[in-house]
Amino acid sequence: MASLDGKHSFGSIGETRVTFVEKGVDEGRKDFLKQLLEHNGFEVVLDQEKKKTEEDPQLYTVAVTDMVFNPTIWIFERDLRTLEGHKVTQDYWFQRTKETKPQYWKNS
């Protein structure tokens, strides 16, 4: 899974200029990101990556048409919302947990 490195990656899918959200994701991750981003008002563009061999799993590129979208900024500024209306945390974004408490750290 990709990390949140803050880099703004953009380009084109077909004739559409896009900001890349994640590349090389499986179908489950693609569906999660598509649903989350569309819920937050983004137009999502998907692209199937070419398989090297027939046995390889199908991977996808997920992008949005908003040219200034940066997942790192939106997550850490707490601007993305879950389908239930909670703020998206980094762990929620990476599907590590469904927990959406606002802290980024755990106290012992």
PDB file of N, CA and C in Angstrom:
ATOM      1  N   MET A   1       0.831  -1.164   0.000  1.00  0.00           N
ATOM      2  CA  MET A   1       0.000   0.000   0.000  1.00  0.00           C
ATOM      3  C   MET A   1       0.885   1.241   0.000  1.00  0.00           C
ATOM      4  N   ALA A   2       0.456   2.254  -0.669  1.00  0.00           N
ATOM      5  CA  ALA A   2       1.220   3.496  -0.762  1.00  0.00           C
ATOM      6  C   ALA A   2       1.258   4.210   0.590  1.00  0.00           C
ATOM      7  N   SER A   3       2.187   5.131   0.705  1.00  0.00           N
ATOM      8  CA  SER A   3       2.263   5.931   1.921  1.00  0.00           C
ATOM      9  C   SER A   3       1.821   7.345   1.606  1.00  0.00           C
ATOM     10  N   LEU A   4       1.571   8.102   2.644  1.00  0.00           N
ATOM     11  CA  LEU A   4       1.216   9.505   2.474  1.00  0.00           C
ATOM     12  C   LEU A   4       2.514  10.305   2.511  1.00  0.00           C
ATOM     13  N   ASP A   5       3.053  10.600   1.347  1.00  0.00           N
ATOM     14  CA  ASP A   5       4.336  11.295   1.305  1.00  0.00           C
ATOM     15  C   ASP A   5       4.203  12.780   0.991  1.00  0.00           C
ATOM     16  N   GLY A   6       2.998  13.239   0.702  1.00  0.00           N
ATOM     17  CA  GLY A   6       2.787  14.655   0.447  1.00  0.00           C
ATOM     18  C   GLY A   6       3.027  15.075  -0.985  1.00  0.00           C
ATOM     19  N   LYS A   7       3.574  14.196  -1.790  1.00  0.00           N
ATOM     20  CA  LYS A   7       3.863  14.529  -3.182  1.00  0.00           C
ATOM     21  C   LYS A   7       2.566  14.632  -3.972  1.00  0.00           C
ATOM     22  N   HIS A   8       2.453  15.660  -4.773  1.00  0.00           N
ATOM     23  CA  HIS A   8       1.280  15.864  -5.622  1.00  0.00           C
ATOM     24  C   HIS A   8       1.592  15.284  -6.994  1.00  0.00           C
ATOM     25  N   SER A   9       0.928  14.174  -7.329  1.00  0.00           N
ATOM     26  CA  SER A   9       1.186  13.472  -8.570  1.00  0.00           C
ATOM     27  C   SER A   9       0.010  13.667  -9.519  1.00  0.00           C
ATOM     28  N   PHE A  10       0.281  14.198 -10.683  1.00  0.00           N
ATOM     29  CA  PHE A  10      -0.800  14.441 -11.636  1.00  0.00           C
ATOM     30  C   PHE A  10      -0.372  14.039 -13.033  1.00  0.00           C
ATOM     31  N   GLY A  11      -1.360  13.907 -13.910  1.00  0.00           N
ATOM     32  CA  GLY A  11      -1.111  13.495 -15.288  1.00  0.00           C
ATOM     33  C   GLY A  11      -2.420  13.354 -16.010  1.00  0.00           C
ATOM     34  N   SER A  12      -2.513  12.373 -16.887  1.00  0.00           N
ATOM     35  CA  SER A  12      -3.730  12.170 -17.673  1.00  0.00           C
ATOM     36  C   SER A  12      -4.109  10.699 -17.695  1.00  0.00           C
ATOM     37  N   ILE A  13      -5.405  10.471 -17.719  1.00  0.00           N
ATOM     38  CA  ILE A  13      -5.971   9.161 -18.010  1.00  0.00           C
ATOM     39  C   ILE A  13      -6.864   9.393 -19.216  1.00  0.00           C
ATOM     40  N   GLY A  14      -6.455   8.836 -20.327  1.00  0.00           N
ATOM     41  CA  GLY A  14      -7.167   9.134 -21.572  1.00  0.00           C
ATOM     42  C   GLY A  14      -6.999  10.610 -21.898  1.00  0.00           C
ATOM     43  N   GLU A  15      -8.086  11.280 -22.115  1.00  0.00           N
ATOM     44  CA  GLU A  15      -8.074  12.719 -22.414  1.00  0.00           C
ATOM     45  C   GLU A  15      -8.301  13.570 -21.169  1.00  0.00           C
ATOM     46  N   THR A  16      -8.450  12.945 -20.013  1.00  0.00           N
ATOM     47  CA  THR A  16      -8.813  13.658 -18.793  1.00  0.00           C
ATOM     48  C   THR A  16      -7.585  13.937 -17.934  1.00  0.00           C
ATOM     49  N   ARG A  17      -7.379  15.207 -17.579  1.00  0.00           N
ATOM     50  CA  ARG A  17      -6.311  15.585 -16.653  1.00  0.00           C
ATOM     51  C   ARG A  17      -6.748  15.195 -15.251  1.00  0.00           C
ATOM     52  N   VAL A  18      -5.852  14.553 -14.508  1.00  0.00           N
ATOM     53  CA  VAL A  18      -6.210  14.037 -13.189  1.00  0.00           C
ATOM     54  C   VAL A  18      -5.073  14.228 -12.183  1.00  0.00           C
ATOM     55  N   THR A  19      -5.456  14.157 -10.919  1.00  0.00           N
ATOM     56  CA  THR A  19      -4.511  13.995  -9.821  1.00  0.00           C
ATOM     57  C   THR A  19      -4.580  12.532  -9.421  1.00  0.00           C
ATOM     58  N   PHE A  20      -3.438  11.853  -9.435  1.00  0.00           N
ATOM     59  CA  PHE A  20      -3.406  10.446  -9.056  1.00  0.00           C
ATOM     60  C   PHE A  20      -3.530  10.320  -7.541  1.00  0.00           C
ATOM     61  N   VAL A  21      -4.419   9.440  -7.118  1.00  0.00           N
ATOM     62  CA  VAL A  21      -4.608   9.175  -5.689  1.00  0.00           C
ATOM     63  C   VAL A  21      -3.743   7.990  -5.295  1.00  0.00           C
ATOM     64  N   GLU A  22      -3.917   6.850  -5.977  1.00  0.00           N
ATOM     65  CA  GLU A  22      -3.079   5.674  -5.758  1.00  0.00           C
ATOM     66  C   GLU A  22      -2.990   4.887  -7.052  1.00  0.00           C
ATOM     67  N   LYS A  23      -1.848   4.277  -7.257  1.00  0.00           N
ATOM     68  CA  LYS A  23      -1.621   3.419  -8.427  1.00  0.00           C
ATOM     69  C   LYS A  23      -1.342   2.008  -7.956  1.00  0.00           C
ATOM     70  N   GLY A  24      -1.686   1.033  -8.794  1.00  0.00           N
ATOM     71  CA  GLY A  24      -1.379  -0.359  -8.499  1.00  0.00           C
ATOM     72  C   GLY A  24      -2.184  -0.944  -7.358  1.00  0.00           C
ATOM     73  N   VAL A  25      -3.455  -0.564  -7.249  1.00  0.00           N
ATOM     74  CA  VAL A  25      -4.294  -1.073  -6.161  1.00  0.00           C
ATOM     75  C   VAL A  25      -5.186  -2.203  -6.665  1.00  0.00           C
ATOM     76  N   ASP A  26      -5.570  -3.092  -5.754  1.00  0.00           N
ATOM     77  CA  ASP A  26      -6.461  -4.186  -6.134  1.00  0.00           C
ATOM     78  C   ASP A  26      -7.908  -3.700  -6.185  1.00  0.00           C
ATOM     79  N   GLU A  27      -8.804  -4.597  -6.558  1.00  0.00           N
ATOM     80  CA  GLU A  27     -10.202  -4.204  -6.765  1.00  0.00           C
ATOM     81  C   GLU A  27     -10.880  -3.731  -5.480  1.00  0.00           C
ATOM     82  N   GLY A  28     -10.588  -4.386  -4.354  1.00  0.00           N
ATOM     83  CA  GLY A  28     -11.170  -3.981  -3.081  1.00  0.00           C
ATOM     84  C   GLY A  28     -10.764  -2.574  -2.683  1.00  0.00           C
ATOM     85  N   ARG A  29      -9.477  -2.280  -2.827  1.00  0.00           N
ATOM     86  CA  ARG A  29      -8.968  -0.944  -2.495  1.00  0.00           C
ATOM     87  C   ARG A  29      -9.550   0.097  -3.449  1.00  0.00           C
ATOM     88  N   LYS A  30      -9.624  -0.245  -4.729  1.00  0.00           N
ATOM     89  CA  LYS A  30     -10.202   0.649  -5.736  1.00  0.00           C
ATOM     90  C   LYS A  30     -11.636   1.010  -5.367  1.00  0.00           C
ATOM     91  N   ASP A  31     -12.431   0.015  -4.999  1.00  0.00           N
ATOM     92  CA  ASP A  31     -13.829   0.252  -4.641  1.00  0.00           C
ATOM     93  C   ASP A  31     -13.952   1.115  -3.392  1.00  0.00           C
ATOM     94  N   PHE A  32     -13.098   0.850  -2.383  1.00  0.00           N
ATOM     95  CA  PHE A  32     -13.111   1.646  -1.150  1.00  0.00           C
ATOM     96  C   PHE A  32     -12.802   3.108  -1.448  1.00  0.00           C
ATOM     97  N   LEU A  33     -11.717   3.356  -2.194  1.00  0.00           N
ATOM     98  CA  LEU A  33     -11.330   4.736  -2.491  1.00  0.00           C
ATOM     99  C   LEU A  33     -12.382   5.441  -3.351  1.00  0.00           C
ATOM    100  N   LYS A  34     -12.912   4.749  -4.336  1.00  0.00           N
ATOM    101  CA  LYS A  34     -13.925   5.338  -5.213  1.00  0.00           C
ATOM    102  C   LYS A  34     -15.139   5.771  -4.406  1.00  0.00           C
ATOM    103  N   GLN A  35     -15.625   4.901  -3.541  1.00  0.00           N
ATOM    104  CA  GLN A  35     -16.796   5.223  -2.731  1.00  0.00           C
ATOM    105  C   GLN A  35     -16.512   6.387  -1.782  1.00  0.00           C
ATOM    106  N   LEU A  36     -15.363   6.366  -1.120  1.00  0.00           N
ATOM    107  CA  LEU A  36     -15.003   7.416  -0.171  1.00  0.00           C
ATOM    108  C   LEU A  36     -14.838   8.765  -0.876  1.00  0.00           C
ATOM    109  N   LEU A  37     -14.128   8.775  -1.987  1.00  0.00           N
ATOM    110  CA  LEU A  37     -13.877  10.031  -2.690  1.00  0.00           C
ATOM    111  C   LEU A  37     -15.151  10.600  -3.318  1.00  0.00           C
ATOM    112  N   GLU A  38     -15.979   9.752  -3.904  1.00  0.00           N
ATOM    113  CA  GLU A  38     -17.236  10.244  -4.463  1.00  0.00           C
ATOM    114  C   GLU A  38     -18.146  10.778  -3.369  1.00  0.00           C
ATOM    115  N   HIS A  39     -18.147  10.143  -2.206  1.00  0.00           N
ATOM    116  CA  HIS A  39     -18.928  10.624  -1.067  1.00  0.00           C
ATOM    117  C   HIS A  39     -18.476  12.037  -0.664  1.00  0.00           C
ATOM    118  N   ASN A  40     -17.203  12.335  -0.861  1.00  0.00           N
ATOM    119  CA  ASN A  40     -16.656  13.646  -0.513  1.00  0.00           C
ATOM    120  C   ASN A  40     -16.707  14.635  -1.676  1.00  0.00           C
ATOM    121  N   GLY A  41     -17.427  14.296  -2.729  1.00  0.00           N
ATOM    122  CA  GLY A  41     -17.685  15.238  -3.813  1.00  0.00           C
ATOM    123  C   GLY A  41     -16.683  15.245  -4.948  1.00  0.00           C
ATOM    124  N   PHE A  42     -15.800  14.267  -5.007  1.00  0.00           N
ATOM    125  CA  PHE A  42     -14.806  14.218  -6.076  1.00  0.00           C
ATOM    126  C   PHE A  42     -15.301  13.364  -7.239  1.00  0.00           C
ATOM    127  N   GLU A  43     -14.930  13.769  -8.446  1.00  0.00           N
ATOM    128  CA  GLU A  43     -15.187  12.939  -9.618  1.00  0.00           C
ATOM    129  C   GLU A  43     -13.993  11.997  -9.750  1.00  0.00           C
ATOM    130  N   VAL A  44     -14.262  10.700  -9.664  1.00  0.00           N
ATOM    131  CA  VAL A  44     -13.212   9.686  -9.664  1.00  0.00           C
ATOM    132  C   VAL A  44     -13.043   9.120 -11.075  1.00  0.00           C
ATOM    133  N   VAL A  45     -11.783   8.975 -11.479  1.00  0.00           N
ATOM    134  CA  VAL A  45     -11.446   8.360 -12.763  1.00  0.00           C
ATOM    135  C   VAL A  45     -10.609   7.124 -12.453  1.00  0.00           C
ATOM    136  N   LEU A  46     -11.012   5.986 -13.038  1.00  0.00           N
ATOM    137  CA  LEU A  46     -10.310   4.720 -12.816  1.00  0.00           C
ATOM    138  C   LEU A  46      -9.670   4.257 -14.105  1.00  0.00           C
ATOM    139  N   ASP A  47      -8.534   3.568 -13.972  1.00  0.00           N
ATOM    140  CA  ASP A  47      -7.849   3.026 -15.137  1.00  0.00           C
ATOM    141  C   ASP A  47      -7.324   1.640 -14.783  1.00  0.00           C
ATOM    142  N   GLN A  48      -7.624   0.666 -15.641  1.00  0.00           N
ATOM    143  CA  GLN A  48      -7.086  -0.674 -15.447  1.00  0.00           C
ATOM    144  C   GLN A  48      -5.641  -0.690 -15.934  1.00  0.00           C
ATOM    145  N   GLU A  49      -4.759  -1.188 -15.085  1.00  0.00           N
ATOM    146  CA  GLU A  49      -3.366  -1.311 -15.499  1.00  0.00           C
ATOM    147  C   GLU A  49      -3.211  -2.581 -16.318  1.00  0.00           C
ATOM    148  N   LYS A  50      -2.264  -2.561 -17.241  1.00  0.00           N
ATOM    149  CA  LYS A  50      -2.019  -3.740 -18.078  1.00  0.00           C
ATOM    150  C   LYS A  50      -1.338  -4.824 -17.249  1.00  0.00           C
ATOM    151  N   LYS A  51      -1.795  -6.059 -17.443  1.00  0.00           N
ATOM    152  CA  LYS A  51      -1.185  -7.202 -16.765  1.00  0.00           C
ATOM    153  C   LYS A  51       0.055  -7.640 -17.532  1.00  0.00           C
ATOM    154  N   LYS A  52       1.101  -8.017 -16.798  1.00  0.00           N
ATOM    155  CA  LYS A  52       2.308  -8.545 -17.449  1.00  0.00           C
ATOM    156  C   LYS A  52       2.083  -9.972 -17.919  1.00  0.00           C
ATOM    157  N   THR A  53       1.377 -10.749 -17.086  1.00  0.00           N
ATOM    158  CA  THR A  53       1.017 -12.112 -17.469  1.00  0.00           C
ATOM    159  C   THR A  53      -0.456 -12.321 -17.153  1.00  0.00           C
ATOM    160  N   GLU A  54      -1.033 -13.333 -17.737  1.00  0.00           N
ATOM    161  CA  GLU A  54      -2.463 -13.625 -17.529  1.00  0.00           C
ATOM    162  C   GLU A  54      -2.766 -13.974 -16.075  1.00  0.00           C
ATOM    163  N   GLU A  55      -1.786 -14.545 -15.359  1.00  0.00           N
ATOM    164  CA  GLU A  55      -1.993 -14.969 -13.977  1.00  0.00           C
ATOM    165  C   GLU A  55      -1.935 -13.812 -12.983  1.00  0.00           C
ATOM    166  N   ASP A  56      -1.363 -12.687 -13.364  1.00  0.00           N
ATOM    167  CA  ASP A  56      -1.252 -11.539 -12.459  1.00  0.00           C
ATOM    168  C   ASP A  56      -2.635 -11.014 -12.096  1.00  0.00           C
ATOM    169  N   PRO A  57      -2.776 -10.508 -10.869  1.00  0.00           N
ATOM    170  CA  PRO A  57      -4.061  -9.918 -10.488  1.00  0.00           C
ATOM    171  C   PRO A  57      -4.283  -8.601 -11.249  1.00  0.00           C
ATOM    172  N   GLN A  58      -5.545  -8.248 -11.438  1.00  0.00           N
ATOM    173  CA  GLN A  58      -5.865  -6.979 -12.099  1.00  0.00           C
ATOM    174  C   GLN A  58      -5.628  -5.839 -11.107  1.00  0.00           C
ATOM    175  N   LEU A  59      -4.836  -4.864 -11.502  1.00  0.00           N
ATOM    176  CA  LEU A  59      -4.562  -3.698 -10.668  1.00  0.00           C
ATOM    177  C   LEU A  59      -5.134  -2.457 -11.338  1.00  0.00           C
ATOM    178  N   TYR A  60      -5.367  -1.436 -10.530  1.00  0.00           N
ATOM    179  CA  TYR A  60      -6.019  -0.223 -11.006  1.00  0.00           C
ATOM    180  C   TYR A  60      -5.275   1.028 -10.555  1.00  0.00           C
ATOM    181  N   THR A  61      -5.509   2.104 -11.287  1.00  0.00           N
ATOM    182  CA  THR A  61      -5.079   3.437 -10.891  1.00  0.00           C
ATOM    183  C   THR A  61      -6.337   4.209 -10.524  1.00  0.00           C
ATOM    184  N   VAL A  62      -6.297   4.868  -9.369  1.00  0.00           N
ATOM    185  CA  VAL A  62      -7.420   5.685  -8.899  1.00  0.00           C
ATOM    186  C   VAL A  62      -6.971   7.138  -8.947  1.00  0.00           C
ATOM    187  N   ALA A  63      -7.801   7.973  -9.572  1.00  0.00           N
ATOM    188  CA  ALA A  63      -7.468   9.391  -9.711  1.00  0.00           C
ATOM    189  C   ALA A  63      -8.733  10.226  -9.564  1.00  0.00           C
ATOM    190  N   VAL A  64      -8.552  11.521  -9.370  1.00  0.00           N
ATOM    191  CA  VAL A  64      -9.681  12.448  -9.314  1.00  0.00           C
ATOM    192  C   VAL A  64      -9.425  13.590 -10.294  1.00  0.00           C
ATOM    193  N   THR A  65     -10.498  14.240 -10.726  1.00  0.00           N
ATOM    194  CA  THR A  65     -10.363  15.338 -11.684  1.00  0.00           C
ATOM    195  C   THR A  65     -10.002  16.664 -11.020  1.00  0.00           C
ATOM    196  N   ASP A  66     -10.038  16.730  -9.704  1.00  0.00           N
ATOM    197  CA  ASP A  66      -9.653  17.943  -8.971  1.00  0.00           C
ATOM    198  C   ASP A  66      -8.128  18.035  -8.984  1.00  0.00           C
ATOM    199  N   MET A  67      -7.592  18.981  -9.716  1.00  0.00           N
ATOM    200  CA  MET A  67      -6.141  19.068  -9.912  1.00  0.00           C
ATOM    201  C   MET A  67      -5.368  19.532  -8.685  1.00  0.00           C
ATOM    202  N   VAL A  68      -6.046  20.034  -7.666  1.00  0.00           N
ATOM    203  CA  VAL A  68      -5.333  20.466  -6.462  1.00  0.00           C
ATOM    204  C   VAL A  68      -5.501  19.490  -5.298  1.00  0.00           C
ATOM    205  N   PHE A  69      -6.224  18.385  -5.517  1.00  0.00           N
ATOM    206  CA  PHE A  69      -6.423  17.402  -4.446  1.00  0.00           C
ATOM    207  C   PHE A  69      -5.103  16.724  -4.101  1.00  0.00           C
ATOM    208  N   ASN A  70      -4.819  16.670  -2.811  1.00  0.00           N
ATOM    209  CA  ASN A  70      -3.658  15.950  -2.294  1.00  0.00           C
ATOM    210  C   ASN A  70      -4.132  15.159  -1.080  1.00  0.00           C
ATOM    211  N   PRO A  71      -4.126  13.823  -1.148  1.00  0.00           N
ATOM    212  CA  PRO A  71      -4.645  13.028  -0.035  1.00  0.00           C
ATOM    213  C   PRO A  71      -4.004  13.351   1.306  1.00  0.00           C
ATOM    214  N   THR A  72      -2.715  13.600   1.326  1.00  0.00           N
ATOM    215  CA  THR A  72      -2.028  13.891   2.581  1.00  0.00           C
ATOM    216  C   THR A  72      -2.622  15.123   3.250  1.00  0.00           C
ATOM    217  N   ILE A  73      -2.789  16.176   2.491  1.00  0.00           N
ATOM    218  CA  ILE A  73      -3.334  17.421   3.041  1.00  0.00           C
ATOM    219  C   ILE A  73      -4.772  17.221   3.499  1.00  0.00           C
ATOM    220  N   TRP A  74      -5.582  16.589   2.681  1.00  0.00           N
ATOM    221  CA  TRP A  74      -6.991  16.392   3.029  1.00  0.00           C
ATOM    222  C   TRP A  74      -7.157  15.516   4.267  1.00  0.00           C
ATOM    223  N   ILE A  75      -6.306  14.523   4.444  1.00  0.00           N
ATOM    224  CA  ILE A  75      -6.419  13.646   5.609  1.00  0.00           C
ATOM    225  C   ILE A  75      -5.952  14.357   6.869  1.00  0.00           C
ATOM    226  N   PHE A  76      -4.788  14.999   6.823  1.00  0.00           N
ATOM    227  CA  PHE A  76      -4.252  15.620   8.025  1.00  0.00           C
ATOM    228  C   PHE A  76      -4.933  16.938   8.379  1.00  0.00           C
ATOM    229  N   GLU A  77      -5.602  17.567   7.419  1.00  0.00           N
ATOM    230  CA  GLU A  77      -6.421  18.733   7.742  1.00  0.00           C
ATOM    231  C   GLU A  77      -7.833  18.324   8.156  1.00  0.00           C
ATOM    232  N   ARG A  78      -8.078  17.004   8.141  1.00  0.00           N
ATOM    233  CA  ARG A  78      -9.349  16.434   8.593  1.00  0.00           C
ATOM    234  C   ARG A  78     -10.530  16.891   7.729  1.00  0.00           C
ATOM    235  N   ASP A  79     -10.304  17.009   6.407  1.00  0.00           N
ATOM    236  CA  ASP A  79     -11.333  17.482   5.492  1.00  0.00           C
ATOM    237  C   ASP A  79     -12.158  16.369   4.854  1.00  0.00           C
ATOM    238  N   LEU A  80     -11.672  15.132   4.859  1.00  0.00           N
ATOM    239  CA  LEU A  80     -12.424  14.015   4.292  1.00  0.00           C
ATOM    240  C   LEU A  80     -13.339  13.426   5.354  1.00  0.00           C
ATOM    241  N   ARG A  81     -14.523  12.993   4.913  1.00  0.00           N
ATOM    242  CA  ARG A  81     -15.499  12.390   5.824  1.00  0.00           C
ATOM    243  C   ARG A  81     -15.823  10.967   5.397  1.00  0.00           C
ATOM    244  N   THR A  82     -16.045  10.105   6.383  1.00  0.00           N
ATOM    245  CA  THR A  82     -16.477   8.737   6.098  1.00  0.00           C
ATOM    246  C   THR A  82     -17.930   8.781   5.642  1.00  0.00           C
ATOM    247  N   LEU A  83     -18.454   7.646   5.214  1.00  0.00           N
ATOM    248  CA  LEU A  83     -19.855   7.575   4.806  1.00  0.00           C
ATOM    249  C   LEU A  83     -20.786   7.863   5.979  1.00  0.00           C
ATOM    250  N   GLU A  84     -20.305   7.636   7.200  1.00  0.00           N
ATOM    251  CA  GLU A  84     -21.096   7.898   8.405  1.00  0.00           C
ATOM    252  C   GLU A  84     -20.934   9.338   8.892  1.00  0.00           C
ATOM    253  N   GLY A  85     -20.079  10.124   8.243  1.00  0.00           N
ATOM    254  CA  GLY A  85     -19.902  11.529   8.609  1.00  0.00           C
ATOM    255  C   GLY A  85     -18.752  11.821   9.545  1.00  0.00           C
ATOM    256  N   HIS A  86     -17.964  10.797   9.904  1.00  0.00           N
ATOM    257  CA  HIS A  86     -16.809  11.012  10.780  1.00  0.00           C
ATOM    258  C   HIS A  86     -15.614  11.485   9.960  1.00  0.00           C
ATOM    259  N   LYS A  87     -14.643  12.084  10.637  1.00  0.00           N
ATOM    260  CA  LYS A  87     -13.430  12.532   9.966  1.00  0.00           C
ATOM    261  C   LYS A  87     -12.540  11.331   9.643  1.00  0.00           C
ATOM    262  N   VAL A  88     -11.972  11.339   8.455  1.00  0.00           N
ATOM    263  CA  VAL A  88     -11.096  10.251   8.011  1.00  0.00           C
ATOM    264  C   VAL A  88      -9.718  10.423   8.636  1.00  0.00           C
ATOM    265  N   THR A  89      -9.226   9.359   9.274  1.00  0.00           N
ATOM    266  CA  THR A  89      -7.872   9.354   9.820  1.00  0.00           C
ATOM    267  C   THR A  89      -6.959   8.603   8.851  1.00  0.00           C
ATOM    268  N   GLN A  90      -5.672   8.687   9.098  1.00  0.00           N
ATOM    269  CA  GLN A  90      -4.707   7.985   8.255  1.00  0.00           C
ATOM    270  C   GLN A  90      -4.945   6.480   8.290  1.00  0.00           C
ATOM    271  N   ASP A  91      -5.211   5.922   9.462  1.00  0.00           N
ATOM    272  CA  ASP A  91      -5.465   4.483   9.557  1.00  0.00           C
ATOM    273  C   ASP A  91      -6.757   4.093   8.846  1.00  0.00           C
ATOM    274  N   TYR A  92      -7.766   4.942   8.907  1.00  0.00           N
ATOM    275  CA  TYR A  92      -9.009   4.661   8.180  1.00  0.00           C
ATOM    276  C   TYR A  92      -8.741   4.693   6.674  1.00  0.00           C
ATOM    277  N   TRP A  93      -7.988   5.685   6.215  1.00  0.00           N
ATOM    278  CA  TRP A  93      -7.656   5.810   4.790  1.00  0.00           C
ATOM    279  C   TRP A  93      -6.988   4.541   4.266  1.00  0.00           C
ATOM    280  N   PHE A  94      -6.063   3.996   5.047  1.00  0.00           N
ATOM    281  CA  PHE A  94      -5.336   2.795   4.635  1.00  0.00           C
ATOM    282  C   PHE A  94      -6.065   1.512   5.007  1.00  0.00           C
ATOM    283  N   GLN A  95      -7.290   1.619   5.473  1.00  0.00           N
ATOM    284  CA  GLN A  95      -8.143   0.484   5.813  1.00  0.00           C
ATOM    285  C   GLN A  95      -7.531  -0.408   6.884  1.00  0.00           C
ATOM    286  N   ARG A  96      -6.775   0.191   7.796  1.00  0.00           N
ATOM    287  CA  ARG A  96      -6.200  -0.553   8.915  1.00  0.00           C
ATOM    288  C   ARG A  96      -7.222  -0.711  10.031  1.00  0.00           C
ATOM    289  N   THR A  97      -8.179   0.239  10.101  1.00  0.00           N
ATOM    290  CA  THR A  97      -9.197   0.238  11.142  1.00  0.00           C
ATOM    291  C   THR A  97     -10.406   1.018  10.658  1.00  0.00           C
ATOM    292  N   LYS A  98     -11.514   0.795  11.314  1.00  0.00           N
ATOM    293  CA  LYS A  98     -12.703   1.610  11.058  1.00  0.00           C
ATOM    294  C   LYS A  98     -12.828   2.705  12.116  1.00  0.00           C
ATOM    295  N   GLU A  99     -11.884   2.717  13.051  1.00  0.00           N
ATOM    296  CA  GLU A  99     -11.843   3.711  14.128  1.00  0.00           C
ATOM    297  C   GLU A  99     -11.585   5.096  13.538  1.00  0.00           C
ATOM    298  N   THR A 100     -12.323   6.089  14.010  1.00  0.00           N
ATOM    299  CA  THR A 100     -12.166   7.438  13.451  1.00  0.00           C
ATOM    300  C   THR A 100     -11.958   8.488  14.534  1.00  0.00           C
ATOM    301  N   LYS A 101     -11.391   8.083  15.665  1.00  0.00           N
ATOM    302  CA  LYS A 101     -11.092   9.077  16.695  1.00  0.00           C
ATOM    303  C   LYS A 101     -10.104  10.086  16.123  1.00  0.00           C
ATOM    304  N   PRO A 102     -10.169  11.318  16.579  1.00  0.00           N
ATOM    305  CA  PRO A 102      -9.376  12.379  15.937  1.00  0.00           C
ATOM    306  C   PRO A 102      -7.886  12.371  16.213  1.00  0.00           C
ATOM    307  N   GLN A 103      -7.367  11.617  17.183  1.00  0.00           N
ATOM    308  CA  GLN A 103      -5.937  11.678  17.448  1.00  0.00           C
ATOM    309  C   GLN A 103      -5.152  10.789  16.484  1.00  0.00           C
ATOM    310  N   TYR A 104      -3.902  11.149  16.264  1.00  0.00           N
ATOM    311  CA  TYR A 104      -3.015  10.377  15.393  1.00  0.00           C
ATOM    312  C   TYR A 104      -2.065   9.507  16.201  1.00  0.00           C
ATOM    313  N   TRP A 105      -2.193   9.524  17.487  1.00  0.00           N
ATOM    314  CA  TRP A 105      -1.290   8.783  18.340  1.00  0.00           C
ATOM    315  C   TRP A 105      -2.118   7.958  19.326  1.00  0.00           C
ATOM    316  N   LYS A 106      -1.458   7.009  19.977  1.00  0.00           N
ATOM    317  CA  LYS A 106      -2.126   6.197  20.999  1.00  0.00           C
ATOM    318  C   LYS A 106      -1.404   6.408  22.313  1.00  0.00           C
ATOM    319  N   ASN A 107      -2.152   6.697  23.361  1.00  0.00           N
ATOM    320  CA  ASN A 107      -1.566   6.835  24.686  1.00  0.00           C
ATOM    321  C   ASN A 107      -1.557   5.488  25.371  1.00  0.00           C
ATOM    322  N   SER A 108      -0.483   5.201  26.104  1.00  0.00           N
ATOM    323  CA  SER A 108      -0.386   3.908  26.801  1.00  0.00           C
ATOM    324  C   SER A 108      -1.190   3.926  28.067  1.00  0.00           C
TER     325      SER A 108
END
